[in-house]
PDB file of N, CA and C in Angstrom:
ATOM      1  N   UNK A   1      -1.894 219.248-197.892  1.00  0.00           N
ATOM      2  CA  UNK A   1      -0.536 218.728-197.965  1.00  0.00           C
ATOM      3  C   UNK A   1       0.270 219.478-199.032  1.00  0.00           C
ATOM      4  N   UNK A   2      -0.377 219.718-200.167  1.00  0.00           N
ATOM      5  CA  UNK A   2       0.297 220.437-201.246  1.00  0.00           C
ATOM      6  C   UNK A   2       0.667 221.839-200.800  1.00  0.00           C
ATOM      7  N   UNK A   3      -0.246 222.502-200.086  1.00  0.00           N
ATOM      8  CA  UNK A   3       0.047 223.848-199.597  1.00  0.00           C
ATOM      9  C   UNK A   3       1.212 223.848-198.621  1.00  0.00           C
ATOM     10  N   UNK A   4       1.298 222.806-197.801  1.00  0.00           N
ATOM     11  CA  UNK A   4       2.413 222.719-196.858  1.00  0.00           C
ATOM     12  C   UNK A   4       3.733 222.563-197.603  1.00  0.00           C
ATOM     13  N   UNK A   5       3.739 221.764-198.629  1.00  0.00           N
ATOM     14  CA  UNK A   5       4.958 221.564-199.417  1.00  0.00           C
ATOM     15  C   UNK A   5       5.360 222.869-200.097  1.00  0.00           C
ATOM     16  N   UNK A   6       4.382 223.557-200.693  1.00  0.00           N
ATOM     17  CA  UNK A   6       4.674 224.835-201.330  1.00  0.00           C
ATOM     18  C   UNK A   6       5.187 225.851-200.312  1.00  0.00           C
ATOM     19  N   UNK A   7       4.586 225.836-199.129  1.00  0.00           N
ATOM     20  CA  UNK A   7       5.040 226.737-198.078  1.00  0.00           C
ATOM     21  C   UNK A   7       6.472 226.446-197.653  1.00  0.00           C
ATOM     22  N   UNK A   8       6.795 225.177-197.543  1.00  0.00           N
ATOM     23  CA  UNK A   8       8.168 224.805-197.189  1.00  0.00           C
ATOM     24  C   UNK A   8       9.146 225.248-198.268  1.00  0.00           C
ATOM     25  N   UNK A   9       8.790 225.046-199.520  1.00  0.00           N
ATOM     26  CA  UNK A   9       9.646 225.481-200.619  1.00  0.00           C
ATOM     27  C   UNK A   9       9.809 226.995-200.614  1.00  0.00           C
ATOM     28  N   UNK A  10       8.719 227.708-200.345  1.00  0.00           N
ATOM     29  CA  UNK A  10       8.794 229.157-200.263  1.00  0.00           C
ATOM     30  C   UNK A  10       9.722 229.592-199.136  1.00  0.00           C
ATOM     31  N   UNK A  11       9.598 228.974-197.989  1.00  0.00           N
ATOM     32  CA  UNK A  11      10.467 229.309-196.859  1.00  0.00           C
ATOM     33  C   UNK A  11      11.923 229.040-197.204  1.00  0.00           C
ATOM     34  N   UNK A  12      12.174 227.939-197.860  1.00  0.00           N
ATOM     35  CA  UNK A  12      13.548 227.605-198.244  1.00  0.00           C
ATOM     36  C   UNK A  12      14.123 228.649-199.184  1.00  0.00           C
ATOM     37  N   UNK A  13      13.335 229.055-200.171  1.00  0.00           N
ATOM     38  CA  UNK A  13      13.835 230.020-201.138  1.00  0.00           C
ATOM     39  C   UNK A  13      14.013 231.395-200.512  1.00  0.00           C
ATOM     40  N   UNK A  14      13.163 231.748-199.558  1.00  0.00           N
ATOM     41  CA  UNK A  14      13.262 233.059-198.919  1.00  0.00           C
ATOM     42  C   UNK A  14      14.485 233.165-198.023  1.00  0.00           C
ATOM     43  N   UNK A  15      14.868 232.099-197.404  1.00  0.00           N
ATOM     44  CA  UNK A  15      15.962 232.154-196.450  1.00  0.00           C
ATOM     45  C   UNK A  15      17.233 231.501-196.983  1.00  0.00           C
ATOM     46  N   UNK A  16      17.214 231.079-198.226  1.00  0.00           N
ATOM     47  CA  UNK A  16      18.379 230.488-198.884  1.00  0.00           C
ATOM     48  C   UNK A  16      19.057 229.422-198.027  1.00  0.00           C
ATOM     49  N   UNK A  17      18.255 228.624-197.412  1.00  0.00           N
ATOM     50  CA  UNK A  17      18.790 227.580-196.543  1.00  0.00           C
ATOM     51  C   UNK A  17      18.495 226.214-197.148  1.00  0.00           C
ATOM     52  N   UNK A  18      19.324 225.288-196.815  1.00  0.00           N
ATOM     53  CA  UNK A  18      19.130 223.923-197.276  1.00  0.00           C
ATOM     54  C   UNK A  18      18.963 223.057-196.041  1.00  0.00           C
ATOM     55  N   UNK A  19      17.730 222.822-195.638  1.00  0.00           N
ATOM     56  CA  UNK A  19      17.549 222.033-194.419  1.00  0.00           C
ATOM     57  C   UNK A  19      17.911 220.575-194.661  1.00  0.00           C
ATOM     58  N   UNK A  20      19.026 220.181-194.099  1.00  0.00           N
ATOM     59  CA  UNK A  20      19.481 218.827-194.343  1.00  0.00           C
ATOM     60  C   UNK A  20      19.088 217.878-193.222  1.00  0.00           C
ATOM     61  N   UNK A  21      18.832 218.401-192.049  1.00  0.00           N
ATOM     62  CA  UNK A  21      18.451 217.507-190.969  1.00  0.00           C
ATOM     63  C   UNK A  21      16.959 217.620-190.685  1.00  0.00           C
ATOM     64  N   UNK A  22      16.416 216.610-190.048  1.00  0.00           N
ATOM     65  CA  UNK A  22      14.976 216.562-189.779  1.00  0.00           C
ATOM     66  C   UNK A  22      14.510 217.702-188.893  1.00  0.00           C
ATOM     67  N   UNK A  23      15.292 218.081-187.904  1.00  0.00           N
ATOM     68  CA  UNK A  23      14.878 219.157-187.016  1.00  0.00           C
ATOM     69  C   UNK A  23      14.689 220.462-187.789  1.00  0.00           C
ATOM     70  N   UNK A  24      15.608 220.765-188.684  1.00  0.00           N
ATOM     71  CA  UNK A  24      15.494 221.985-189.476  1.00  0.00           C
ATOM     72  C   UNK A  24      14.258 221.925-190.364  1.00  0.00           C
ATOM     73  N   UNK A  25      13.997 220.780-190.944  1.00  0.00           N
ATOM     74  CA  UNK A  25      12.797 220.627-191.773  1.00  0.00           C
ATOM     75  C   UNK A  25      11.537 220.830-190.952  1.00  0.00           C
ATOM     76  N   UNK A  26      11.529 220.316-189.734  1.00  0.00           N
ATOM     77  CA  UNK A  26      10.369 220.488-188.865  1.00  0.00           C
ATOM     78  C   UNK A  26      10.170 221.961-188.495  1.00  0.00           C
ATOM     79  N   UNK A  27      11.245 222.674-188.299  1.00  0.00           N
ATOM     80  CA  UNK A  27      11.133 224.098-187.972  1.00  0.00           C
ATOM     81  C   UNK A  27      10.590 224.861-189.173  1.00  0.00           C
ATOM     82  N   UNK A  28      11.011 224.502-190.370  1.00  0.00           N
ATOM     83  CA  UNK A  28      10.456 225.150-191.564  1.00  0.00           C
ATOM     84  C   UNK A  28       8.970 224.853-191.705  1.00  0.00           C
ATOM     85  N   UNK A  29       8.574 223.652-191.363  1.00  0.00           N
ATOM     86  CA  UNK A  29       7.149 223.322-191.391  1.00  0.00           C
ATOM     87  C   UNK A  29       6.409 224.159-190.349  1.00  0.00           C
ATOM     88  N   UNK A  30       6.987 224.301-189.176  1.00  0.00           N
ATOM     89  CA  UNK A  30       6.368 225.109-188.123  1.00  0.00           C
ATOM     90  C   UNK A  30       6.255 226.567-188.566  1.00  0.00           C
ATOM     91  N   UNK A  31       7.286 227.081-189.213  1.00  0.00           N
ATOM     92  CA  UNK A  31       7.232 228.455-189.707  1.00  0.00           C
ATOM     93  C   UNK A  31       6.097 228.619-190.711  1.00  0.00           C
ATOM     94  N   UNK A  32       5.931 227.631-191.566  1.00  0.00           N
ATOM     95  CA  UNK A  32       4.828 227.676-192.529  1.00  0.00           C
ATOM     96  C   UNK A  32       3.482 227.670-191.805  1.00  0.00           C
ATOM     97  N   UNK A  33       3.341 226.803-190.819  1.00  0.00           N
ATOM     98  CA  UNK A  33       2.086 226.746-190.059  1.00  0.00           C
ATOM     99  C   UNK A  33       1.803 228.072-189.362  1.00  0.00           C
ATOM    100  N   UNK A  34       2.825 228.712-188.857  1.00  0.00           N
ATOM    101  CA  UNK A  34       2.646 230.011-188.213  1.00  0.00           C
ATOM    102  C   UNK A  34       2.244 231.079-189.234  1.00  0.00           C
ATOM    103  N   UNK A  35       2.836 231.015-190.419  1.00  0.00           N
ATOM    104  CA  UNK A  35       2.468 231.965-191.475  1.00  0.00           C
ATOM    105  C   UNK A  35       1.025 231.776-191.909  1.00  0.00           C
ATOM    106  N   UNK A  36       0.578 230.547-191.901  1.00  0.00           N
ATOM    107  CA  UNK A  36      -0.794 230.252-192.306  1.00  0.00           C
ATOM    108  C   UNK A  36      -1.818 230.667-191.257  1.00  0.00           C
ATOM    109  N   UNK A  37      -1.375 230.971-190.069  1.00  0.00           N
ATOM    110  CA  UNK A  37      -2.316 231.306-189.001  1.00  0.00           C
ATOM    111  C   UNK A  37      -2.107 232.726-188.486  1.00  0.00           C
ATOM    112  N   UNK A  38      -1.761 233.624-189.379  1.00  0.00           N
ATOM    113  CA  UNK A  38      -1.540 235.022-189.004  1.00  0.00           C
ATOM    114  C   UNK A  38      -2.803 235.647-188.422  1.00  0.00           C
ATOM    115  N   UNK A  39      -3.952 235.249-188.929  1.00  0.00           N
ATOM    116  CA  UNK A  39      -5.204 235.906-188.549  1.00  0.00           C
ATOM    117  C   UNK A  39      -5.778 235.436-187.222  1.00  0.00           C
ATOM    118  N   UNK A  40      -5.086 234.533-186.555  1.00  0.00           N
ATOM    119  CA  UNK A  40      -5.622 234.054-185.280  1.00  0.00           C
ATOM    120  C   UNK A  40      -4.485 233.721-184.320  1.00  0.00           C
ATOM    121  N   UNK A  41      -4.773 233.803-183.033  1.00  0.00           N
ATOM    122  CA  UNK A  41      -3.769 233.384-182.051  1.00  0.00           C
ATOM    123  C   UNK A  41      -3.476 231.888-182.209  1.00  0.00           C
ATOM    124  N   UNK A  42      -2.269 231.508-181.895  1.00  0.00           N
ATOM    125  CA  UNK A  42      -1.847 230.119-182.076  1.00  0.00           C
ATOM    126  C   UNK A  42      -1.550 229.489-180.722  1.00  0.00           C
ATOM    127  N   UNK A  43      -2.056 228.284-180.538  1.00  0.00           N
ATOM    128  CA  UNK A  43      -1.689 227.488-179.376  1.00  0.00           C
ATOM    129  C   UNK A  43      -0.504 226.625-179.820  1.00  0.00           C
ATOM    130  N   UNK A  44       0.690 227.043-179.438  1.00  0.00           N
ATOM    131  CA  UNK A  44       1.900 226.356-179.905  1.00  0.00           C
ATOM    132  C   UNK A  44       1.952 224.899-179.465  1.00  0.00           C
ATOM    133  N   UNK A  45       1.469 224.623-178.275  1.00  0.00           N
ATOM    134  CA  UNK A  45       1.504 223.244-177.801  1.00  0.00           C
ATOM    135  C   UNK A  45       0.645 222.350-178.688  1.00  0.00           C
ATOM    136  N   UNK A  46      -0.492 222.863-179.148  1.00  0.00           N
ATOM    137  CA  UNK A  46      -1.342 222.099-180.066  1.00  0.00           C
ATOM    138  C   UNK A  46      -0.670 221.955-181.427  1.00  0.00           C
ATOM    139  N   UNK A  47      -0.047 223.032-181.907  1.00  0.00           N
ATOM    140  CA  UNK A  47       0.622 222.996-183.202  1.00  0.00           C
ATOM    141  C   UNK A  47       1.767 221.983-183.207  1.00  0.00           C
ATOM    142  N   UNK A  48       2.512 221.937-182.115  1.00  0.00           N
ATOM    143  CA  UNK A  48       3.671 221.047-182.044  1.00  0.00           C
ATOM    144  C   UNK A  48       3.247 219.580-182.081  1.00  0.00           C
ATOM    145  N   UNK A  49       2.005 219.299-181.711  1.00  0.00           N
ATOM    146  CA  UNK A  49       1.521 217.917-181.785  1.00  0.00           C
ATOM    147  C   UNK A  49       1.538 217.393-183.218  1.00  0.00           C
ATOM    148  N   UNK A  50       1.523 218.303-184.193  1.00  0.00           N
ATOM    149  CA  UNK A  50       1.604 217.901-185.601  1.00  0.00           C
ATOM    150  C   UNK A  50       3.033 217.547-186.006  1.00  0.00           C
ATOM    151  N   UNK A  51       3.980 217.877-185.159  1.00  0.00           N
ATOM    152  CA  UNK A  51       5.388 217.621-185.455  1.00  0.00           C
ATOM    153  C   UNK A  51       5.899 216.512-184.533  1.00  0.00           C
ATOM    154  N   UNK A  52       6.722 215.641-185.044  1.00  0.00           N
ATOM    155  CA  UNK A  52       7.273 214.588-184.171  1.00  0.00           C
ATOM    156  C   UNK A  52       8.427 215.125-183.313  1.00  0.00           C
ATOM    157  N   UNK A  53       8.071 216.052-182.406  1.00  0.00           N
ATOM    158  CA  UNK A  53       9.075 216.680-181.569  1.00  0.00           C
ATOM    159  C   UNK A  53       8.376 217.170-180.302  1.00  0.00           C
ATOM    160  N   UNK A  54       9.037 217.076-179.186  1.00  0.00           N
ATOM    161  CA  UNK A  54       8.466 217.580-177.949  1.00  0.00           C
ATOM    162  C   UNK A  54       8.443 219.104-177.930  1.00  0.00           C
ATOM    163  N   UNK A  55       7.572 219.666-177.114  1.00  0.00           N
ATOM    164  CA  UNK A  55       7.389 221.115-177.078  1.00  0.00           C
ATOM    165  C   UNK A  55       8.661 221.845-176.651  1.00  0.00           C
ATOM    166  N   UNK A  56       9.306 221.378-175.610  1.00  0.00           N
ATOM    167  CA  UNK A  56      10.514 222.028-175.114  1.00  0.00           C
ATOM    168  C   UNK A  56      11.621 222.005-176.164  1.00  0.00           C
ATOM    169  N   UNK A  57      11.816 220.862-176.777  1.00  0.00           N
ATOM    170  CA  UNK A  57      12.839 220.742-177.828  1.00  0.00           C
ATOM    171  C   UNK A  57      12.491 221.638-179.013  1.00  0.00           C
ATOM    172  N   UNK A  58      11.207 221.688-179.354  1.00  0.00           N
ATOM    173  CA  UNK A  58      10.758 222.542-180.449  1.00  0.00           C
ATOM    174  C   UNK A  58      11.136 224.002-180.180  1.00  0.00           C
ATOM    175  N   UNK A  59      10.815 224.491-178.991  1.00  0.00           N
ATOM    176  CA  UNK A  59      11.109 225.894-178.668  1.00  0.00           C
ATOM    177  C   UNK A  59      12.613 226.188-178.760  1.00  0.00           C
ATOM    178  N   UNK A  60      13.423 225.295-178.214  1.00  0.00           N
ATOM    179  CA  UNK A  60      14.875 225.499-178.242  1.00  0.00           C
ATOM    180  C   UNK A  60      15.405 225.460-179.673  1.00  0.00           C
ATOM    181  N   UNK A  61      14.942 224.493-180.445  1.00  0.00           N
ATOM    182  CA  UNK A  61      15.406 224.354-181.830  1.00  0.00           C
ATOM    183  C   UNK A  61      14.930 225.522-182.678  1.00  0.00           C
ATOM    184  N   UNK A  62      13.685 225.937-182.485  1.00  0.00           N
ATOM    185  CA  UNK A  62      13.142 227.067-183.242  1.00  0.00           C
ATOM    186  C   UNK A  62      13.981 228.321-182.986  1.00  0.00           C
ATOM    187  N   UNK A  63      14.284 228.575-181.715  1.00  0.00           N
ATOM    188  CA  UNK A  63      15.065 229.767-181.383  1.00  0.00           C
ATOM    189  C   UNK A  63      16.483 229.667-181.934  1.00  0.00           C
ATOM    190  N   UNK A  64      17.057 228.482-181.890  1.00  0.00           N
ATOM    191  CA  UNK A  64      18.410 228.280-182.413  1.00  0.00           C
ATOM    192  C   UNK A  64      18.457 228.568-183.917  1.00  0.00           C
ATOM    193  N   UNK A  65      17.442 228.130-184.647  1.00  0.00           N
ATOM    194  CA  UNK A  65      17.434 228.278-186.106  1.00  0.00           C
ATOM    195  C   UNK A  65      17.004 229.672-186.537  1.00  0.00           C
ATOM    196  N   UNK A  66      16.005 230.231-185.879  1.00  0.00           N
ATOM    197  CA  UNK A  66      15.455 231.520-186.326  1.00  0.00           C
ATOM    198  C   UNK A  66      15.996 232.716-185.554  1.00  0.00           C
ATOM    199  N   UNK A  67      16.530 232.477-184.371  1.00  0.00           N
ATOM    200  CA  UNK A  67      17.020 233.582-183.563  1.00  0.00           C
ATOM    201  C   UNK A  67      15.958 234.205-182.677  1.00  0.00           C
ATOM    202  N   UNK A  68      14.735 233.663-182.715  1.00  0.00           N
ATOM    203  CA  UNK A  68      13.664 234.186-181.864  1.00  0.00           C
ATOM    204  C   UNK A  68      12.741 233.066-181.451  1.00  0.00           C
ATOM    205  N   UNK A  69      11.981 233.307-180.417  1.00  0.00           N
ATOM    206  CA  UNK A  69      11.037 232.294-179.944  1.00  0.00           C
ATOM    207  C   UNK A  69       9.897 232.146-180.948  1.00  0.00           C
ATOM    208  N   UNK A  70       9.200 231.018-180.930  1.00  0.00           N
ATOM    209  CA  UNK A  70       8.055 230.845-181.832  1.00  0.00           C
ATOM    210  C   UNK A  70       6.985 231.915-181.622  1.00  0.00           C
ATOM    211  N   UNK A  71       6.719 232.286-180.371  1.00  0.00           N
ATOM    212  CA  UNK A  71       5.728 233.329-180.112  1.00  0.00           C
ATOM    213  C   UNK A  71       6.156 234.664-180.702  1.00  0.00           C
ATOM    214  N   UNK A  72       7.421 235.009-180.541  1.00  0.00           N
ATOM    215  CA  UNK A  72       7.932 236.272-181.084  1.00  0.00           C
ATOM    216  C   UNK A  72       7.889 236.251-182.612  1.00  0.00           C
ATOM    217  N   UNK A  73       8.240 235.123-183.193  1.00  0.00           N
ATOM    218  CA  UNK A  73       8.203 234.988-184.647  1.00  0.00           C
ATOM    219  C   UNK A  73       6.774 235.204-185.167  1.00  0.00           C
ATOM    220  N   UNK A  74       5.811 234.575-184.507  1.00  0.00           N
ATOM    221  CA  UNK A  74       4.412 234.711-184.918  1.00  0.00           C
ATOM    222  C   UNK A  74       3.936 236.155-184.740  1.00  0.00           C
ATOM    223  N   UNK A  75       4.320 236.796-183.659  1.00  0.00           N
ATOM    224  CA  UNK A  75       3.951 238.184-183.431  1.00  0.00           C
ATOM    225  C   UNK A  75       4.541 239.081-184.523  1.00  0.00           C
ATOM    226  N   UNK A  76       5.794 238.849-184.884  1.00  0.00           N
ATOM    227  CA  UNK A  76       6.425 239.637-185.947  1.00  0.00           C
ATOM    228  C   UNK A  76       5.711 239.432-187.289  1.00  0.00           C
ATOM    229  N   UNK A  77       5.293 238.207-187.587  1.00  0.00           N
ATOM    230  CA  UNK A  77       4.533 237.952-188.809  1.00  0.00           C
ATOM    231  C   UNK A  77       3.231 238.750-188.818  1.00  0.00           C
ATOM    232  N   UNK A  78       2.543 238.743-187.681  1.00  0.00           N
ATOM    233  CA  UNK A  78       1.267 239.444-187.575  1.00  0.00           C
ATOM    234  C   UNK A  78       1.451 240.951-187.713  1.00  0.00           C
ATOM    235  N   UNK A  79       2.498 241.488-187.115  1.00  0.00           N
ATOM    236  CA  UNK A  79       2.751 242.919-187.220  1.00  0.00           C
ATOM    237  C   UNK A  79       3.186 243.319-188.626  1.00  0.00           C
ATOM    238  N   UNK A  80       3.936 242.478-189.280  1.00  0.00           N
ATOM    239  CA  UNK A  80       4.324 242.744-190.663  1.00  0.00           C
ATOM    240  C   UNK A  80       3.095 242.769-191.563  1.00  0.00           C
ATOM    241  N   UNK A  81       2.197 241.819-191.353  1.00  0.00           N
ATOM    242  CA  UNK A  81       0.942 241.791-192.112  1.00  0.00           C
ATOM    243  C   UNK A  81       0.120 243.045-191.822  1.00  0.00           C
ATOM    244  N   UNK A  82       0.079 243.465-190.565  1.00  0.00           N
ATOM    245  CA  UNK A  82      -0.654 244.677-190.198  1.00  0.00           C
ATOM    246  C   UNK A  82      -0.079 245.894-190.927  1.00  0.00           C
ATOM    247  N   UNK A  83       1.249 245.985-191.016  1.00  0.00           N
ATOM    248  CA  UNK A  83       1.862 247.104-191.737  1.00  0.00           C
ATOM    249  C   UNK A  83       1.469 247.085-193.208  1.00  0.00           C
ATOM    250  N   UNK A  84       1.468 245.896-193.812  1.00  0.00           N
ATOM    251  CA  UNK A  84       1.054 245.774-195.215  1.00  0.00           C
ATOM    252  C   UNK A  84      -0.386 246.255-195.391  1.00  0.00           C
ATOM    253  N   UNK A  85      -1.267 245.840-194.480  1.00  0.00           N
ATOM    254  CA  UNK A  85      -2.670 246.237-194.570  1.00  0.00           C
ATOM    255  C   UNK A  85      -2.855 247.732-194.324  1.00  0.00           C
ATOM    256  N   UNK A  86      -2.082 248.302-193.425  1.00  0.00           N
ATOM    257  CA  UNK A  86      -2.175 249.738-193.169  1.00  0.00           C
ATOM    258  C   UNK A  86      -1.796 250.545-194.411  1.00  0.00           C
ATOM    259  N   UNK A  87      -0.826 250.066-195.145  1.00  0.00           N
ATOM    260  CA  UNK A  87      -0.359 250.771-196.341  1.00  0.00           C
ATOM    261  C   UNK A  87      -1.279 250.535-197.537  1.00  0.00           C
ATOM    262  N   UNK A  88      -1.743 249.313-197.698  1.00  0.00           N
ATOM    263  CA  UNK A  88      -2.391 248.932-198.962  1.00  0.00           C
ATOM    264  C   UNK A  88      -3.915 248.879-198.933  1.00  0.00           C
ATOM    265  N   UNK A  89      -4.533 249.112-197.780  1.00  0.00           N
ATOM    266  CA  UNK A  89      -5.996 249.030-197.721  1.00  0.00           C
ATOM    267  C   UNK A  89      -6.564 250.258-197.008  1.00  0.00           C
ATOM    268  N   UNK A  90      -7.865 250.375-197.093  1.00  0.00           N
ATOM    269  CA  UNK A  90      -8.575 251.422-196.356  1.00  0.00           C
ATOM    270  C   UNK A  90      -9.288 250.854-195.139  1.00  0.00           C
ATOM    271  N   UNK A  91      -8.917 249.654-194.730  1.00  0.00           N
ATOM    272  CA  UNK A  91      -9.523 249.050-193.554  1.00  0.00           C
ATOM    273  C   UNK A  91      -9.239 249.911-192.335  1.00  0.00           C
ATOM    274  N   UNK A  92     -10.177 249.910-191.406  1.00  0.00           N
ATOM    275  CA  UNK A  92      -9.927 250.635-190.158  1.00  0.00           C
ATOM    276  C   UNK A  92      -8.846 249.908-189.363  1.00  0.00           C
ATOM    277  N   UNK A  93      -8.265 250.617-188.445  1.00  0.00           N
ATOM    278  CA  UNK A  93      -7.231 250.012-187.605  1.00  0.00           C
ATOM    279  C   UNK A  93      -7.825 248.878-186.782  1.00  0.00           C
ATOM    280  N   UNK A  94      -9.060 249.041-186.355  1.00  0.00           N
ATOM    281  CA  UNK A  94      -9.740 247.984-185.614  1.00  0.00           C
ATOM    282  C   UNK A  94      -9.919 246.733-186.484  1.00  0.00           C
ATOM    283  N   UNK A  95     -10.283 246.911-187.753  1.00  0.00           N
ATOM    284  CA  UNK A  95     -10.436 245.774-188.668  1.00  0.00           C
ATOM    285  C   UNK A  95      -9.092 245.089-188.907  1.00  0.00           C
ATOM    286  N   UNK A  96      -8.050 245.880-189.058  1.00  0.00           N
ATOM    287  CA  UNK A  96      -6.707 245.313-189.270  1.00  0.00           C
ATOM    288  C   UNK A  96      -6.263 244.532-188.038  1.00  0.00           C
ATOM    289  N   UNK A  97      -6.553 245.060-186.866  1.00  0.00           N
ATOM    290  CA  UNK A  97      -6.227 244.342-185.625  1.00  0.00           C
ATOM    291  C   UNK A  97      -6.918 242.985-185.630  1.00  0.00           C
ATOM    292  N   UNK A  98      -8.191 242.957-185.998  1.00  0.00           N
ATOM    293  CA  UNK A  98      -8.936 241.699-186.047  1.00  0.00           C
ATOM    294  C   UNK A  98      -8.400 240.741-187.082  1.00  0.00           C
ATOM    295  N   UNK A  99      -8.020 241.253-188.255  1.00  0.00           N
ATOM    296  CA  UNK A  99      -7.521 240.385-189.323  1.00  0.00           C
ATOM    297  C   UNK A  99      -6.130 239.840-189.032  1.00  0.00           C
ATOM    298  N   UNK A 100      -5.443 240.428-188.098  1.00  0.00           N
ATOM    299  CA  UNK A 100      -4.113 239.938-187.750  1.00  0.00           C
ATOM    300  C   UNK A 100      -4.096 239.240-186.390  1.00  0.00           C
ATOM    301  N   UNK A 101      -5.293 238.881-185.913  1.00  0.00           N
ATOM    302  CA  UNK A 101      -5.393 238.020-184.748  1.00  0.00           C
ATOM    303  C   UNK A 101      -5.353 238.699-183.399  1.00  0.00           C
ATOM    304  N   UNK A 102      -5.527 240.002-183.351  1.00  0.00           N
ATOM    305  CA  UNK A 102      -5.543 240.706-182.079  1.00  0.00           C
ATOM    306  C   UNK A 102      -6.993 240.894-181.645  1.00  0.00           C
ATOM    307  N   UNK A 103      -7.312 240.441-180.454  1.00  0.00           N
ATOM    308  CA  UNK A 103      -8.668 240.566-179.932  1.00  0.00           C
ATOM    309  C   UNK A 103      -8.965 241.969-179.433  1.00  0.00           C
ATOM    310  N   UNK A 104      -7.927 242.706-179.111  1.00  0.00           N
ATOM    311  CA  UNK A 104      -8.094 244.024-178.513  1.00  0.00           C
ATOM    312  C   UNK A 104      -7.366 245.074-179.350  1.00  0.00           C
ATOM    313  N   UNK A 105      -8.073 246.131-179.703  1.00  0.00           N
ATOM    314  CA  UNK A 105      -7.465 247.247-180.420  1.00  0.00           C
ATOM    315  C   UNK A 105      -6.381 247.893-179.564  1.00  0.00           C
ATOM    316  N   UNK A 106      -6.652 247.999-178.265  1.00  0.00           N
ATOM    317  CA  UNK A 106      -5.673 248.597-177.354  1.00  0.00           C
ATOM    318  C   UNK A 106      -4.369 247.793-177.351  1.00  0.00           C
ATOM    319  N   UNK A 107      -4.483 246.469-177.225  1.00  0.00           N
ATOM    320  CA  UNK A 107      -3.283 245.622-177.201  1.00  0.00           C
ATOM    321  C   UNK A 107      -2.539 245.704-178.536  1.00  0.00           C
ATOM    322  N   UNK A 108      -3.279 245.653-179.640  1.00  0.00           N
ATOM    323  CA  UNK A 108      -2.658 245.769-180.962  1.00  0.00           C
ATOM    324  C   UNK A 108      -1.878 247.080-181.063  1.00  0.00           C
ATOM    325  N   UNK A 109      -2.513 248.180-180.702  1.00  0.00           N
ATOM    326  CA  UNK A 109      -1.860 249.489-180.803  1.00  0.00           C
ATOM    327  C   UNK A 109      -0.620 249.564-179.925  1.00  0.00           C
ATOM    328  N   UNK A 110      -0.719 249.015-178.717  1.00  0.00           N
ATOM    329  CA  UNK A 110       0.413 249.040-177.790  1.00  0.00           C
ATOM    330  C   UNK A 110       1.598 248.241-178.336  1.00  0.00           C
ATOM    331  N   UNK A 111       1.319 247.025-178.819  1.00  0.00           N
ATOM    332  CA  UNK A 111       2.394 246.174-179.350  1.00  0.00           C
ATOM    333  C   UNK A 111       2.969 246.784-180.628  1.00  0.00           C
ATOM    334  N   UNK A 112       2.105 247.298-181.491  1.00  0.00           N
ATOM    335  CA  UNK A 112       2.556 247.916-182.741  1.00  0.00           C
ATOM    336  C   UNK A 112       3.487 249.094-182.433  1.00  0.00           C
ATOM    337  N   UNK A 113       3.074 249.932-181.507  1.00  0.00           N
ATOM    338  CA  UNK A 113       3.873 251.109-181.170  1.00  0.00           C
ATOM    339  C   UNK A 113       5.209 250.703-180.551  1.00  0.00           C
ATOM    340  N   UNK A 114       5.195 249.680-179.711  1.00  0.00           N
ATOM    341  CA  UNK A 114       6.436 249.215-179.085  1.00  0.00           C
ATOM    342  C   UNK A 114       7.428 248.711-180.135  1.00  0.00           C
ATOM    343  N   UNK A 115       6.921 247.990-181.135  1.00  0.00           N
ATOM    344  CA  UNK A 115       7.795 247.403-182.157  1.00  0.00           C
ATOM    345  C   UNK A 115       8.227 248.404-183.225  1.00  0.00           C
ATOM    346  N   UNK A 116       7.366 249.393-183.517  1.00  0.00           N
ATOM    347  CA  UNK A 116       7.622 250.290-184.643  1.00  0.00           C
ATOM    348  C   UNK A 116       7.866 251.747-184.250  1.00  0.00           C
ATOM    349  N   UNK A 117       7.868 252.008-182.960  1.00  0.00           N
ATOM    350  CA  UNK A 117       8.092 253.359-182.442  1.00  0.00           C
ATOM    351  C   UNK A 117       7.089 254.379-182.952  1.00  0.00           C
ATOM    352  N   UNK A 118       5.920 253.909-183.351  1.00  0.00           N
ATOM    353  CA  UNK A 118       4.825 254.798-183.717  1.00  0.00           C
ATOM    354  C   UNK A 118       3.529 254.015-183.719  1.00  0.00           C
ATOM    355  N   UNK A 119       2.451 254.739-183.572  1.00  0.00           N
ATOM    356  CA  UNK A 119       1.137 254.104-183.541  1.00  0.00           C
ATOM    357  C   UNK A 119       0.768 253.600-184.937  1.00  0.00           C
ATOM    358  N   UNK A 120      -0.213 252.695-185.027  1.00  0.00           N
ATOM    359  CA  UNK A 120      -0.675 252.266-186.345  1.00  0.00           C
ATOM    360  C   UNK A 120      -1.168 253.444-187.193  1.00  0.00           C
ATOM    361  N   UNK A 121      -1.875 254.378-186.576  1.00  0.00           N
ATOM    362  CA  UNK A 121      -2.376 255.548-187.309  1.00  0.00           C
ATOM    363  C   UNK A 121      -1.212 256.397-187.824  1.00  0.00           C
ATOM    364  N   UNK A 122      -0.221 256.612-186.978  1.00  0.00           N
ATOM    365  CA  UNK A 122       0.959 257.364-187.400  1.00  0.00           C
ATOM    366  C   UNK A 122       1.696 256.673-188.530  1.00  0.00           C
ATOM    367  N   UNK A 123       1.801 255.351-188.430  1.00  0.00           N
ATOM    368  CA  UNK A 123       2.450 254.579-189.486  1.00  0.00           C
ATOM    369  C   UNK A 123       1.701 254.735-190.807  1.00  0.00           C
ATOM    370  N   UNK A 124       0.373 254.623-190.750  1.00  0.00           N
ATOM    371  CA  UNK A 124      -0.439 254.761-191.969  1.00  0.00           C
ATOM    372  C   UNK A 124      -0.265 256.157-192.565  1.00  0.00           C
ATOM    373  N   UNK A 125      -0.339 257.177-191.740  1.00  0.00           N
ATOM    374  CA  UNK A 125      -0.213 258.554-192.228  1.00  0.00           C
ATOM    375  C   UNK A 125       1.149 258.808-192.870  1.00  0.00           C
ATOM    376  N   UNK A 126       2.164 258.208-192.321  1.00  0.00           N
ATOM    377  CA  UNK A 126       3.533 258.403-192.842  1.00  0.00           C
ATOM    378  C   UNK A 126       3.761 257.658-194.151  1.00  0.00           C
ATOM    379  N   UNK A 127       3.035 256.527-194.354  1.00  0.00           N
ATOM    380  CA  UNK A 127       3.308 255.669-195.501  1.00  0.00           C
ATOM    381  C   UNK A 127       2.246 255.699-196.599  1.00  0.00           C
ATOM    382  N   UNK A 128       1.269 256.567-196.479  1.00  0.00           N
ATOM    383  CA  UNK A 128       0.225 256.618-197.523  1.00  0.00           C
ATOM    384  C   UNK A 128       0.477 257.761-198.441  1.00  0.00           C
TER     385      UNK A 128
END
């Protein structure tokens, strides 16, 4: 519970927002839960059960507040973490794919290249 509160406070400070309504607070909680699960795929329908909100309403509200779908937001978090690991560690690309919740090296490389216009290896070589 304490970690969730700290995560919510961190999200608030990062986005300089003041969530005054319950829906916004729930979305910040969802964002925290997604950040906490970078290393594994997320079943959004299961996650939403922790929030007093229906799945359809959650998706619409999340997109309205963040500008992207919950799945896209989670994917962006995972790719951002992968970039950090590529720059700051000597882990193999396969290990980084696993630590960021990708079951397949091929899928990780494909998604990474689509989002960053270069392969994970190219990104590492350019930023090391």
